[in-house]
Amino acid sequence: MRTLDSEAAFDLAVELATSGERRILGICGAPAAGKSTFAEQLAERLTKAGHGVALVPMDGYHLAQAVLDELGLAAVKGAPHTFDGYGFVALLKRLKEAPTEQIWAPRFDRGLEDSIAASIGVAPEVSLVVTEGNYLLLDQMPWATIRTVLDQCWYVEVPEELRHQRLEARHMQFGRTQAEAHERTFGSDERNAQLIAATAKSADAIVELSQPVR
């Protein structure tokens, strides 16, 4: 398995974006590992370099907060069964198999703690779709199908102590007390993180970030 720094990752992404057909690159990692910011920075840099890139995060497929409340799943939001996994898989397949269509994807709004439908556009000229999320490498249905659609999937790693600090800070930023943030970080979030970490061996490469990202 390869290890990539930011520059090597960019060069490999350019290869994917200039292959002559639409490619899909997955960025995977545990909560607060830095995958979202890394994916955003990579997509922005590729766009500035003149490549057709769209960023389509998995988080748009969170079940609605009202649904989680109704099902009694709010306390474990972020676990695999709190997403519309089959919907996400269907979107990725459509992005890969129908590159000439204008496609619209949902976006997750952290301020609202809910998804907003049809807010990310993927135009026909997009040659590289970057998707990021926790469960891109999970070996259970429907997630296991994702690996067959992705052309590459990279796993982002940071030291666990730093990841925990970031996660607690994120929870407090969005309204939780310090005690609540700590409980969530080392409770349901940690169970999810351990599940995600076990999938790293299936990645094409490990991304080691040389600068702090959240």
N, C-alpha and C. Protein backbone atom coordinates (compact mmCIF):
# COMPACT_ATOMS: atom_id res chain seq x y z
N MET A 1 0.84 -1.20 0.00
CA MET A 1 0.00 0.00 0.00
C MET A 1 0.87 1.25 0.00
N ARG A 2 0.51 2.21 -0.84
CA ARG A 2 1.28 3.44 -0.94
C ARG A 2 0.97 4.38 0.21
N THR A 3 1.96 5.22 0.54
CA THR A 3 1.75 6.32 1.47
C THR A 3 1.94 7.61 0.69
N LEU A 4 0.95 8.51 0.80
CA LEU A 4 0.97 9.75 0.03
C LEU A 4 1.06 10.96 0.95
N ASP A 5 1.91 11.92 0.58
CA ASP A 5 1.81 13.23 1.21
C ASP A 5 0.91 14.08 0.32
N SER A 6 0.73 15.33 0.67
CA SER A 6 -0.21 16.18 -0.07
C SER A 6 0.19 16.33 -1.54
N GLU A 7 1.49 16.47 -1.81
CA GLU A 7 1.94 16.67 -3.19
C GLU A 7 1.76 15.42 -4.04
N ALA A 8 2.11 14.28 -3.48
CA ALA A 8 1.94 13.02 -4.22
C ALA A 8 0.47 12.75 -4.47
N ALA A 9 -0.38 13.09 -3.49
CA ALA A 9 -1.82 12.92 -3.65
C ALA A 9 -2.34 13.79 -4.79
N PHE A 10 -1.87 15.03 -4.86
CA PHE A 10 -2.30 15.93 -5.92
C PHE A 10 -1.88 15.39 -7.29
N ASP A 11 -0.65 14.95 -7.41
CA ASP A 11 -0.17 14.43 -8.69
C ASP A 11 -0.99 13.22 -9.14
N LEU A 12 -1.32 12.33 -8.21
CA LEU A 12 -2.11 11.15 -8.55
C LEU A 12 -3.53 11.54 -8.94
N ALA A 13 -4.08 12.55 -8.25
CA ALA A 13 -5.42 13.03 -8.59
C ALA A 13 -5.45 13.64 -9.99
N VAL A 14 -4.38 14.33 -10.37
CA VAL A 14 -4.29 14.90 -11.72
C VAL A 14 -4.33 13.77 -12.76
N GLU A 15 -3.62 12.69 -12.48
CA GLU A 15 -3.66 11.55 -13.40
C GLU A 15 -5.08 11.03 -13.59
N LEU A 16 -5.83 10.95 -12.49
CA LEU A 16 -7.21 10.49 -12.58
C LEU A 16 -8.07 11.47 -13.38
N ALA A 17 -7.85 12.77 -13.14
CA ALA A 17 -8.67 13.80 -13.78
C ALA A 17 -8.40 13.93 -15.27
N THR A 18 -7.25 13.44 -15.72
CA THR A 18 -6.87 13.58 -17.13
C THR A 18 -6.82 12.24 -17.85
N SER A 19 -7.54 11.27 -17.34
CA SER A 19 -7.49 9.91 -17.90
C SER A 19 -8.31 9.77 -19.19
N GLY A 20 -9.19 10.75 -19.45
CA GLY A 20 -10.00 10.66 -20.66
C GLY A 20 -11.42 10.18 -20.42
N GLU A 21 -11.73 9.74 -19.23
CA GLU A 21 -13.09 9.37 -18.87
C GLU A 21 -13.33 9.74 -17.41
N ARG A 22 -14.59 9.80 -17.00
CA ARG A 22 -14.87 10.21 -15.63
C ARG A 22 -14.37 9.18 -14.62
N ARG A 23 -13.67 9.66 -13.63
CA ARG A 23 -13.17 8.83 -12.54
C ARG A 23 -13.78 9.29 -11.21
N ILE A 24 -13.82 8.37 -10.26
CA ILE A 24 -14.31 8.71 -8.92
C ILE A 24 -13.24 8.34 -7.90
N LEU A 25 -12.85 9.34 -7.11
CA LEU A 25 -11.84 9.18 -6.07
C LEU A 25 -12.51 9.27 -4.71
N GLY A 26 -12.29 8.27 -3.87
CA GLY A 26 -12.84 8.27 -2.52
C GLY A 26 -11.79 8.67 -1.50
N ILE A 27 -12.20 9.47 -0.52
CA ILE A 27 -11.34 9.86 0.59
C ILE A 27 -12.04 9.37 1.87
N CYS A 28 -11.41 8.45 2.56
CA CYS A 28 -12.03 7.81 3.72
C CYS A 28 -11.23 8.13 4.98
N GLY A 29 -11.87 7.97 6.13
CA GLY A 29 -11.18 8.19 7.39
C GLY A 29 -12.17 8.32 8.53
N ALA A 30 -11.67 8.26 9.74
CA ALA A 30 -12.52 8.36 10.93
C ALA A 30 -12.98 9.80 11.14
N PRO A 31 -14.00 10.02 11.98
CA PRO A 31 -14.46 11.37 12.27
C PRO A 31 -13.32 12.26 12.78
N ALA A 32 -13.20 13.46 12.20
CA ALA A 32 -12.20 14.46 12.58
C ALA A 32 -10.77 14.08 12.19
N ALA A 33 -10.61 13.13 11.27
CA ALA A 33 -9.27 12.79 10.78
C ALA A 33 -8.73 13.86 9.83
N GLY A 34 -9.63 14.68 9.29
CA GLY A 34 -9.21 15.71 8.36
C GLY A 34 -9.59 15.42 6.93
N LYS A 35 -10.38 14.36 6.70
CA LYS A 35 -10.69 13.96 5.32
C LYS A 35 -11.52 15.00 4.58
N SER A 36 -12.48 15.64 5.28
CA SER A 36 -13.34 16.62 4.61
C SER A 36 -12.53 17.82 4.12
N THR A 37 -11.69 18.36 5.00
CA THR A 37 -10.87 19.51 4.62
C THR A 37 -9.86 19.13 3.55
N PHE A 38 -9.26 17.96 3.68
CA PHE A 38 -8.32 17.49 2.67
C PHE A 38 -9.00 17.37 1.32
N ALA A 39 -10.20 16.78 1.29
CA ALA A 39 -10.93 16.63 0.04
C ALA A 39 -11.30 17.98 -0.55
N GLU A 40 -11.72 18.92 0.30
CA GLU A 40 -12.06 20.27 -0.17
C GLU A 40 -10.84 20.97 -0.77
N GLN A 41 -9.70 20.88 -0.07
CA GLN A 41 -8.49 21.53 -0.55
C GLN A 41 -8.00 20.90 -1.85
N LEU A 42 -8.11 19.57 -1.95
CA LEU A 42 -7.68 18.88 -3.16
C LEU A 42 -8.55 19.29 -4.34
N ALA A 43 -9.86 19.29 -4.14
CA ALA A 43 -10.79 19.66 -5.21
C ALA A 43 -10.57 21.10 -5.65
N GLU A 44 -10.35 21.99 -4.68
CA GLU A 44 -10.12 23.41 -5.00
C GLU A 44 -8.83 23.58 -5.81
N ARG A 45 -7.78 22.89 -5.40
CA ARG A 45 -6.51 23.01 -6.10
C ARG A 45 -6.60 22.46 -7.52
N LEU A 46 -7.29 21.34 -7.68
CA LEU A 46 -7.46 20.76 -9.01
C LEU A 46 -8.27 21.69 -9.91
N THR A 47 -9.30 22.31 -9.34
CA THR A 47 -10.14 23.23 -10.11
C THR A 47 -9.32 24.44 -10.57
N LYS A 48 -8.50 24.98 -9.67
CA LYS A 48 -7.67 26.13 -10.01
C LYS A 48 -6.65 25.76 -11.09
N ALA A 49 -6.28 24.48 -11.15
CA ALA A 49 -5.34 24.03 -12.17
C ALA A 49 -6.02 23.73 -13.49
N GLY A 50 -7.34 23.95 -13.55
CA GLY A 50 -8.05 23.82 -14.81
C GLY A 50 -8.74 22.50 -15.05
N HIS A 51 -8.83 21.65 -14.03
CA HIS A 51 -9.48 20.34 -14.18
C HIS A 51 -10.95 20.42 -13.76
N GLY A 52 -11.79 19.61 -14.41
CA GLY A 52 -13.21 19.57 -14.06
C GLY A 52 -13.43 18.63 -12.89
N VAL A 53 -13.69 19.20 -11.73
CA VAL A 53 -13.78 18.41 -10.50
C VAL A 53 -15.06 18.78 -9.74
N ALA A 54 -15.70 17.78 -9.15
CA ALA A 54 -16.84 18.01 -8.27
C ALA A 54 -16.61 17.26 -6.97
N LEU A 55 -16.96 17.89 -5.86
CA LEU A 55 -16.84 17.27 -4.54
C LEU A 55 -18.23 16.88 -4.07
N VAL A 56 -18.43 15.58 -3.84
CA VAL A 56 -19.74 15.05 -3.45
C VAL A 56 -19.58 14.21 -2.18
N PRO A 57 -19.71 14.81 -1.00
CA PRO A 57 -19.52 14.08 0.26
C PRO A 57 -20.64 13.08 0.54
N MET A 58 -20.29 12.03 1.25
CA MET A 58 -21.26 11.03 1.69
C MET A 58 -22.26 11.58 2.69
N ASP A 59 -21.87 12.63 3.44
CA ASP A 59 -22.71 13.15 4.52
C ASP A 59 -24.07 13.66 4.04
N GLY A 60 -24.21 13.93 2.75
CA GLY A 60 -25.51 14.34 2.23
C GLY A 60 -26.56 13.27 2.38
N TYR A 61 -26.14 12.06 2.67
CA TYR A 61 -27.07 10.94 2.82
C TYR A 61 -27.35 10.57 4.27
N HIS A 62 -27.03 11.48 5.21
CA HIS A 62 -27.54 11.34 6.57
C HIS A 62 -29.07 11.22 6.53
N LEU A 63 -29.64 10.34 7.33
CA LEU A 63 -31.09 10.38 7.50
C LEU A 63 -31.47 11.70 8.16
N ALA A 64 -32.62 12.24 7.81
CA ALA A 64 -33.07 13.51 8.37
C ALA A 64 -33.15 13.42 9.89
N GLN A 65 -32.87 14.54 10.56
CA GLN A 65 -32.89 14.56 12.02
C GLN A 65 -34.26 14.13 12.56
N ALA A 66 -35.33 14.55 11.89
CA ALA A 66 -36.66 14.14 12.34
C ALA A 66 -36.84 12.63 12.26
N VAL A 67 -36.27 12.02 11.24
CA VAL A 67 -36.35 10.57 11.09
C VAL A 67 -35.55 9.88 12.19
N LEU A 68 -34.35 10.39 12.46
CA LEU A 68 -33.52 9.82 13.52
C LEU A 68 -34.24 9.91 14.87
N ASP A 69 -34.87 11.05 15.13
CA ASP A 69 -35.62 11.21 16.38
C ASP A 69 -36.76 10.21 16.44
N GLU A 70 -37.47 10.06 15.34
CA GLU A 70 -38.62 9.15 15.30
C GLU A 70 -38.20 7.70 15.52
N LEU A 71 -37.04 7.34 14.97
CA LEU A 71 -36.55 5.96 15.08
C LEU A 71 -35.74 5.70 16.34
N GLY A 72 -35.51 6.75 17.14
CA GLY A 72 -34.71 6.60 18.34
C GLY A 72 -33.23 6.42 18.07
N LEU A 73 -32.74 7.01 16.97
CA LEU A 73 -31.35 6.83 16.55
C LEU A 73 -30.51 8.09 16.70
N ALA A 74 -31.09 9.15 17.26
CA ALA A 74 -30.37 10.44 17.32
C ALA A 74 -29.06 10.32 18.10
N ALA A 75 -29.05 9.49 19.14
CA ALA A 75 -27.86 9.36 19.99
C ALA A 75 -26.70 8.68 19.28
N VAL A 76 -26.99 7.97 18.21
CA VAL A 76 -25.92 7.26 17.48
C VAL A 76 -25.79 7.81 16.06
N LYS A 77 -26.21 9.05 15.84
CA LYS A 77 -26.09 9.67 14.52
C LYS A 77 -24.64 9.59 14.05
N GLY A 78 -24.46 9.12 12.84
CA GLY A 78 -23.11 8.93 12.31
C GLY A 78 -22.74 7.47 12.16
N ALA A 79 -23.51 6.58 12.80
CA ALA A 79 -23.29 5.14 12.63
C ALA A 79 -23.76 4.73 11.24
N PRO A 80 -23.29 3.60 10.71
CA PRO A 80 -23.64 3.23 9.33
C PRO A 80 -25.14 3.18 9.07
N HIS A 81 -25.92 2.72 10.04
CA HIS A 81 -27.36 2.57 9.80
C HIS A 81 -28.13 3.88 9.95
N THR A 82 -27.43 5.00 10.16
CA THR A 82 -28.10 6.30 10.21
C THR A 82 -27.91 7.07 8.90
N PHE A 83 -27.50 6.37 7.86
CA PHE A 83 -27.37 6.94 6.52
C PHE A 83 -28.25 6.16 5.55
N ASP A 84 -28.62 6.81 4.46
CA ASP A 84 -29.27 6.13 3.35
C ASP A 84 -28.16 5.59 2.45
N GLY A 85 -27.57 4.49 2.88
CA GLY A 85 -26.44 3.92 2.16
C GLY A 85 -26.79 3.50 0.74
N TYR A 86 -27.97 2.93 0.55
CA TYR A 86 -28.35 2.50 -0.80
C TYR A 86 -28.52 3.69 -1.72
N GLY A 87 -29.03 4.80 -1.18
CA GLY A 87 -29.16 6.01 -1.99
C GLY A 87 -27.81 6.55 -2.42
N PHE A 88 -26.84 6.52 -1.50
CA PHE A 88 -25.49 6.99 -1.82
C PHE A 88 -24.84 6.12 -2.89
N VAL A 89 -24.99 4.81 -2.75
CA VAL A 89 -24.44 3.90 -3.76
C VAL A 89 -25.07 4.17 -5.12
N ALA A 90 -26.38 4.38 -5.14
CA ALA A 90 -27.07 4.65 -6.41
C ALA A 90 -26.55 5.92 -7.06
N LEU A 91 -26.29 6.95 -6.24
CA LEU A 91 -25.74 8.20 -6.78
C LEU A 91 -24.37 7.96 -7.40
N LEU A 92 -23.49 7.26 -6.70
CA LEU A 92 -22.14 7.01 -7.22
C LEU A 92 -22.20 6.24 -8.54
N LYS A 93 -23.09 5.25 -8.61
CA LYS A 93 -23.22 4.49 -9.86
C LYS A 93 -23.69 5.39 -11.00
N ARG A 94 -24.64 6.26 -10.70
CA ARG A 94 -25.13 7.17 -11.73
C ARG A 94 -24.03 8.14 -12.17
N LEU A 95 -23.26 8.65 -11.23
CA LEU A 95 -22.15 9.55 -11.57
C LEU A 95 -21.14 8.86 -12.49
N LYS A 96 -20.93 7.57 -12.26
CA LYS A 96 -19.95 6.83 -13.06
C LYS A 96 -20.52 6.42 -14.41
N GLU A 97 -21.78 5.99 -14.42
CA GLU A 97 -22.34 5.39 -15.62
C GLU A 97 -23.06 6.38 -16.54
N ALA A 98 -23.35 7.58 -16.04
CA ALA A 98 -24.07 8.56 -16.86
C ALA A 98 -23.33 9.90 -16.86
N PRO A 99 -22.09 9.92 -17.35
CA PRO A 99 -21.28 11.14 -17.27
C PRO A 99 -21.78 12.29 -18.13
N THR A 100 -22.70 12.02 -19.06
CA THR A 100 -23.20 13.10 -19.91
C THR A 100 -24.42 13.81 -19.30
N GLU A 101 -24.92 13.31 -18.16
CA GLU A 101 -26.09 13.92 -17.52
C GLU A 101 -25.67 15.03 -16.55
N GLN A 102 -26.52 16.02 -16.38
CA GLN A 102 -26.39 16.97 -15.26
C GLN A 102 -27.01 16.28 -14.05
N ILE A 103 -26.21 16.07 -13.02
CA ILE A 103 -26.66 15.32 -11.84
C ILE A 103 -26.59 16.23 -10.62
N TRP A 104 -27.58 16.10 -9.74
CA TRP A 104 -27.64 16.90 -8.52
C TRP A 104 -27.58 15.99 -7.30
N ALA A 105 -26.73 16.37 -6.35
CA ALA A 105 -26.52 15.58 -5.14
C ALA A 105 -26.89 16.39 -3.90
N PRO A 106 -27.22 15.73 -2.80
CA PRO A 106 -27.55 16.46 -1.57
C PRO A 106 -26.29 16.90 -0.83
N ARG A 107 -26.47 17.92 0.01
CA ARG A 107 -25.37 18.44 0.84
C ARG A 107 -25.81 18.46 2.30
N PHE A 108 -24.90 18.06 3.20
CA PHE A 108 -25.21 18.11 4.63
C PHE A 108 -24.79 19.46 5.19
N ASP A 109 -25.71 20.10 5.92
CA ASP A 109 -25.46 21.40 6.53
C ASP A 109 -25.26 21.21 8.03
N ARG A 110 -24.04 21.43 8.51
CA ARG A 110 -23.77 21.21 9.94
C ARG A 110 -24.53 22.18 10.83
N GLY A 111 -24.79 23.38 10.32
CA GLY A 111 -25.55 24.34 11.11
C GLY A 111 -26.97 23.87 11.35
N LEU A 112 -27.56 23.27 10.33
CA LEU A 112 -28.93 22.75 10.44
C LEU A 112 -28.96 21.34 11.00
N GLU A 113 -27.82 20.63 10.93
CA GLU A 113 -27.75 19.21 11.28
C GLU A 113 -28.70 18.40 10.41
N ASP A 114 -28.83 18.82 9.16
CA ASP A 114 -29.70 18.12 8.22
C ASP A 114 -29.15 18.28 6.81
N SER A 115 -29.64 17.42 5.92
CA SER A 115 -29.22 17.48 4.52
C SER A 115 -30.14 18.36 3.71
N ILE A 116 -29.59 18.96 2.66
CA ILE A 116 -30.35 19.78 1.73
C ILE A 116 -30.27 19.13 0.36
N ALA A 117 -31.41 18.75 -0.17
CA ALA A 117 -31.44 18.00 -1.43
C ALA A 117 -30.97 18.85 -2.61
N ALA A 118 -30.44 18.18 -3.60
CA ALA A 118 -30.12 18.79 -4.91
C ALA A 118 -29.36 20.10 -4.78
N SER A 119 -28.31 20.11 -3.94
CA SER A 119 -27.54 21.34 -3.77
C SER A 119 -26.12 21.29 -4.33
N ILE A 120 -25.67 20.13 -4.79
CA ILE A 120 -24.35 20.00 -5.40
C ILE A 120 -24.54 19.54 -6.84
N GLY A 121 -24.12 20.38 -7.77
CA GLY A 121 -24.26 20.04 -9.18
C GLY A 121 -23.02 19.36 -9.73
N VAL A 122 -23.23 18.32 -10.52
CA VAL A 122 -22.13 17.63 -11.21
C VAL A 122 -22.44 17.69 -12.70
N ALA A 123 -21.72 18.55 -13.40
CA ALA A 123 -21.96 18.80 -14.82
C ALA A 123 -21.25 17.75 -15.68
N PRO A 124 -21.67 17.62 -16.94
CA PRO A 124 -21.03 16.64 -17.83
C PRO A 124 -19.53 16.85 -18.02
N GLU A 125 -19.07 18.11 -17.89
CA GLU A 125 -17.64 18.35 -18.09
C GLU A 125 -16.77 17.92 -16.92
N VAL A 126 -17.37 17.46 -15.83
CA VAL A 126 -16.59 16.99 -14.68
C VAL A 126 -15.93 15.66 -15.02
N SER A 127 -14.61 15.65 -14.93
CA SER A 127 -13.86 14.43 -15.24
C SER A 127 -13.44 13.66 -13.99
N LEU A 128 -13.50 14.33 -12.82
CA LEU A 128 -13.14 13.66 -11.57
C LEU A 128 -14.14 14.05 -10.48
N VAL A 129 -14.80 13.06 -9.93
CA VAL A 129 -15.66 13.26 -8.77
C VAL A 129 -14.89 12.82 -7.53
N VAL A 130 -14.76 13.71 -6.57
CA VAL A 130 -14.14 13.38 -5.29
C VAL A 130 -15.26 13.20 -4.28
N THR A 131 -15.31 12.04 -3.66
CA THR A 131 -16.30 11.79 -2.61
C THR A 131 -15.56 11.46 -1.34
N GLU A 132 -16.09 11.91 -0.21
CA GLU A 132 -15.42 11.62 1.06
C GLU A 132 -16.44 11.19 2.09
N GLY A 133 -16.02 10.30 2.99
CA GLY A 133 -16.93 9.82 4.02
C GLY A 133 -16.30 8.73 4.87
N ASN A 134 -17.02 8.35 5.88
CA ASN A 134 -16.50 7.39 6.86
C ASN A 134 -16.49 5.95 6.35
N TYR A 135 -17.49 5.59 5.56
CA TYR A 135 -17.75 4.17 5.32
C TYR A 135 -17.51 3.72 3.88
N LEU A 136 -16.63 4.40 3.18
CA LEU A 136 -16.39 4.06 1.78
C LEU A 136 -15.73 2.69 1.62
N LEU A 137 -15.10 2.19 2.66
CA LEU A 137 -14.38 0.92 2.58
C LEU A 137 -15.02 -0.18 3.45
N LEU A 138 -16.19 0.11 3.99
CA LEU A 138 -16.83 -0.84 4.91
C LEU A 138 -17.30 -2.07 4.16
N ASP A 139 -16.96 -3.24 4.68
CA ASP A 139 -17.26 -4.51 4.01
C ASP A 139 -18.59 -5.09 4.49
N GLN A 140 -19.63 -4.32 4.36
CA GLN A 140 -20.99 -4.79 4.62
C GLN A 140 -21.93 -4.01 3.73
N MET A 141 -23.03 -4.67 3.38
CA MET A 141 -23.96 -4.02 2.45
C MET A 141 -24.73 -2.90 3.13
N PRO A 142 -25.03 -1.82 2.38
CA PRO A 142 -24.75 -1.63 0.95
C PRO A 142 -23.38 -1.03 0.68
N TRP A 143 -22.65 -0.72 1.74
CA TRP A 143 -21.37 0.00 1.60
C TRP A 143 -20.34 -0.77 0.77
N ALA A 144 -20.38 -2.10 0.86
CA ALA A 144 -19.37 -2.91 0.15
C ALA A 144 -19.40 -2.68 -1.35
N THR A 145 -20.55 -2.25 -1.88
CA THR A 145 -20.67 -1.99 -3.31
C THR A 145 -19.84 -0.78 -3.75
N ILE A 146 -19.63 0.15 -2.82
CA ILE A 146 -18.94 1.39 -3.17
C ILE A 146 -17.56 1.14 -3.75
N ARG A 147 -16.85 0.18 -3.17
CA ARG A 147 -15.46 -0.07 -3.60
C ARG A 147 -15.40 -0.48 -5.07
N THR A 148 -16.46 -1.08 -5.58
CA THR A 148 -16.47 -1.49 -6.99
C THR A 148 -16.71 -0.31 -7.93
N VAL A 149 -17.18 0.81 -7.38
CA VAL A 149 -17.46 1.99 -8.20
C VAL A 149 -16.28 2.97 -8.19
N LEU A 150 -15.55 3.01 -7.08
CA LEU A 150 -14.43 3.95 -6.95
C LEU A 150 -13.23 3.48 -7.77
N ASP A 151 -12.56 4.44 -8.42
CA ASP A 151 -11.33 4.11 -9.14
C ASP A 151 -10.14 4.06 -8.19
N GLN A 152 -10.18 4.91 -7.17
CA GLN A 152 -9.17 4.92 -6.11
C GLN A 152 -9.88 5.27 -4.81
N CYS A 153 -9.37 4.74 -3.70
CA CYS A 153 -9.87 5.16 -2.38
C CYS A 153 -8.68 5.29 -1.44
N TRP A 154 -8.54 6.48 -0.86
CA TRP A 154 -7.43 6.77 0.03
C TRP A 154 -7.93 6.92 1.46
N TYR A 155 -7.11 6.52 2.40
CA TYR A 155 -7.47 6.58 3.82
C TYR A 155 -6.61 7.63 4.52
N VAL A 156 -7.25 8.60 5.17
CA VAL A 156 -6.55 9.68 5.85
C VAL A 156 -6.31 9.30 7.31
N GLU A 157 -5.06 9.44 7.75
CA GLU A 157 -4.70 9.09 9.13
C GLU A 157 -4.07 10.28 9.85
N VAL A 158 -4.44 10.44 11.12
CA VAL A 158 -3.78 11.39 12.01
C VAL A 158 -3.67 10.72 13.37
N PRO A 159 -2.79 11.20 14.26
CA PRO A 159 -2.70 10.62 15.61
C PRO A 159 -4.04 10.69 16.32
N GLU A 160 -4.37 9.64 17.07
CA GLU A 160 -5.66 9.55 17.72
C GLU A 160 -5.91 10.68 18.72
N GLU A 161 -4.87 11.08 19.44
CA GLU A 161 -5.06 12.16 20.42
C GLU A 161 -5.51 13.45 19.73
N LEU A 162 -4.89 13.75 18.59
CA LEU A 162 -5.26 14.94 17.84
C LEU A 162 -6.68 14.82 17.30
N ARG A 163 -7.02 13.65 16.80
CA ARG A 163 -8.36 13.44 16.26
C ARG A 163 -9.43 13.62 17.34
N HIS A 164 -9.17 13.09 18.53
CA HIS A 164 -10.11 13.25 19.64
C HIS A 164 -10.28 14.72 20.02
N GLN A 165 -9.18 15.45 20.06
CA GLN A 165 -9.24 16.88 20.39
C GLN A 165 -10.09 17.63 19.38
N ARG A 166 -9.87 17.34 18.11
CA ARG A 166 -10.64 18.00 17.05
C ARG A 166 -12.13 17.68 17.17
N LEU A 167 -12.42 16.41 17.47
CA LEU A 167 -13.80 15.99 17.50
C LEU A 167 -14.55 16.64 18.67
N GLU A 168 -13.91 16.68 19.83
CA GLU A 168 -14.54 17.35 20.97
C GLU A 168 -14.78 18.82 20.65
N ALA A 169 -13.79 19.47 20.05
CA ALA A 169 -13.94 20.89 19.70
C ALA A 169 -15.07 21.10 18.71
N ARG A 170 -15.22 20.19 17.77
CA ARG A 170 -16.29 20.30 16.77
C ARG A 170 -17.66 20.19 17.44
N HIS A 171 -17.79 19.23 18.34
CA HIS A 171 -19.07 19.06 19.03
C HIS A 171 -19.44 20.32 19.84
N MET A 172 -18.45 20.90 20.50
CA MET A 172 -18.73 22.11 21.28
C MET A 172 -19.05 23.29 20.37
N GLN A 173 -18.39 23.34 19.22
CA GLN A 173 -18.66 24.41 18.25
C GLN A 173 -20.12 24.42 17.82
N PHE A 174 -20.71 23.22 17.77
CA PHE A 174 -22.10 23.13 17.32
C PHE A 174 -23.08 22.92 18.47
N GLY A 175 -22.69 23.41 19.67
CA GLY A 175 -23.67 23.57 20.73
C GLY A 175 -23.65 22.60 21.88
N ARG A 176 -22.78 21.58 21.85
CA ARG A 176 -22.74 20.65 22.97
C ARG A 176 -21.85 21.21 24.10
N THR A 177 -22.17 20.85 25.34
CA THR A 177 -21.31 21.22 26.46
C THR A 177 -20.04 20.39 26.38
N GLN A 178 -19.04 20.77 27.17
CA GLN A 178 -17.79 20.01 27.15
C GLN A 178 -18.02 18.57 27.58
N ALA A 179 -18.87 18.37 28.59
CA ALA A 179 -19.16 17.01 29.05
C ALA A 179 -19.87 16.21 27.97
N GLU A 180 -20.83 16.83 27.29
CA GLU A 180 -21.55 16.14 26.22
C GLU A 180 -20.63 15.82 25.06
N ALA A 181 -19.75 16.77 24.74
CA ALA A 181 -18.80 16.55 23.64
C ALA A 181 -17.86 15.40 23.95
N HIS A 182 -17.38 15.35 25.20
CA HIS A 182 -16.47 14.27 25.60
C HIS A 182 -17.18 12.93 25.55
N GLU A 183 -18.41 12.90 26.03
CA GLU A 183 -19.16 11.65 26.03
C GLU A 183 -19.41 11.14 24.62
N ARG A 184 -19.76 12.06 23.71
CA ARG A 184 -20.02 11.67 22.33
C ARG A 184 -18.74 11.22 21.64
N THR A 185 -17.64 11.93 21.89
CA THR A 185 -16.37 11.60 21.25
C THR A 185 -15.89 10.22 21.63
N PHE A 186 -16.00 9.89 22.90
CA PHE A 186 -15.47 8.60 23.37
C PHE A 186 -16.56 7.53 23.52
N GLY A 187 -17.77 7.87 23.07
CA GLY A 187 -18.88 6.92 23.08
C GLY A 187 -19.18 6.42 21.69
N SER A 188 -20.30 6.88 21.12
CA SER A 188 -20.71 6.39 19.80
C SER A 188 -19.71 6.74 18.71
N ASP A 189 -19.10 7.94 18.80
CA ASP A 189 -18.11 8.32 17.78
C ASP A 189 -16.90 7.39 17.79
N GLU A 190 -16.48 6.98 18.98
CA GLU A 190 -15.32 6.11 19.08
C GLU A 190 -15.62 4.71 18.55
N ARG A 191 -16.82 4.24 18.79
CA ARG A 191 -17.22 2.93 18.24
C ARG A 191 -17.20 2.99 16.71
N ASN A 192 -17.70 4.08 16.18
CA ASN A 192 -17.66 4.24 14.72
C ASN A 192 -16.23 4.32 14.21
N ALA A 193 -15.38 5.06 14.93
CA ALA A 193 -13.98 5.23 14.52
C ALA A 193 -13.25 3.90 14.47
N GLN A 194 -13.50 3.05 15.44
CA GLN A 194 -12.84 1.74 15.46
C GLN A 194 -13.30 0.88 14.28
N LEU A 195 -14.59 0.98 13.97
CA LEU A 195 -15.12 0.25 12.81
C LEU A 195 -14.47 0.74 11.52
N ILE A 196 -14.31 2.05 11.41
CA ILE A 196 -13.72 2.65 10.21
C ILE A 196 -12.24 2.30 10.11
N ALA A 197 -11.52 2.36 11.23
CA ALA A 197 -10.08 2.07 11.22
C ALA A 197 -9.79 0.66 10.72
N ALA A 198 -10.69 -0.26 11.00
CA ALA A 198 -10.50 -1.65 10.56
C ALA A 198 -10.59 -1.80 9.04
N THR A 199 -11.12 -0.77 8.36
CA THR A 199 -11.25 -0.84 6.90
C THR A 199 -10.04 -0.27 6.16
N ALA A 200 -9.12 0.34 6.88
CA ALA A 200 -7.99 1.04 6.24
C ALA A 200 -7.16 0.11 5.35
N LYS A 201 -7.11 -1.16 5.71
CA LYS A 201 -6.30 -2.11 4.94
C LYS A 201 -6.79 -2.29 3.52
N SER A 202 -8.03 -1.88 3.25
CA SER A 202 -8.59 -2.02 1.91
C SER A 202 -8.34 -0.81 1.02
N ALA A 203 -7.70 0.22 1.57
CA ALA A 203 -7.45 1.44 0.80
C ALA A 203 -6.33 1.22 -0.21
N ASP A 204 -6.33 2.06 -1.25
CA ASP A 204 -5.24 2.03 -2.23
C ASP A 204 -4.01 2.75 -1.71
N ALA A 205 -4.23 3.71 -0.80
CA ALA A 205 -3.12 4.49 -0.26
C ALA A 205 -3.52 5.09 1.07
N ILE A 206 -2.52 5.35 1.89
CA ILE A 206 -2.69 6.07 3.16
C ILE A 206 -2.19 7.50 2.94
N VAL A 207 -3.01 8.48 3.30
CA VAL A 207 -2.62 9.87 3.16
C VAL A 207 -2.12 10.38 4.51
N GLU A 208 -0.89 10.84 4.54
CA GLU A 208 -0.32 11.44 5.74
C GLU A 208 -0.23 12.94 5.50
N LEU A 209 -0.98 13.69 6.28
CA LEU A 209 -1.06 15.13 6.07
C LEU A 209 0.11 15.84 6.75
N SER A 210 0.73 16.75 6.02
CA SER A 210 1.91 17.46 6.55
C SER A 210 1.54 18.77 7.20
N GLN A 211 0.25 19.15 7.15
CA GLN A 211 -0.17 20.40 7.76
C GLN A 211 -1.49 20.14 8.49
N PRO A 212 -1.79 20.91 9.53
CA PRO A 212 -3.00 20.66 10.28
C PRO A 212 -4.25 21.00 9.48
N VAL A 213 -5.16 20.03 9.40
CA VAL A 213 -6.46 20.26 8.78
C VAL A 213 -7.52 19.68 9.70
N ARG A 214 -8.73 20.19 9.61
CA ARG A 214 -9.83 19.69 10.43
C ARG A 214 -10.83 18.93 9.57
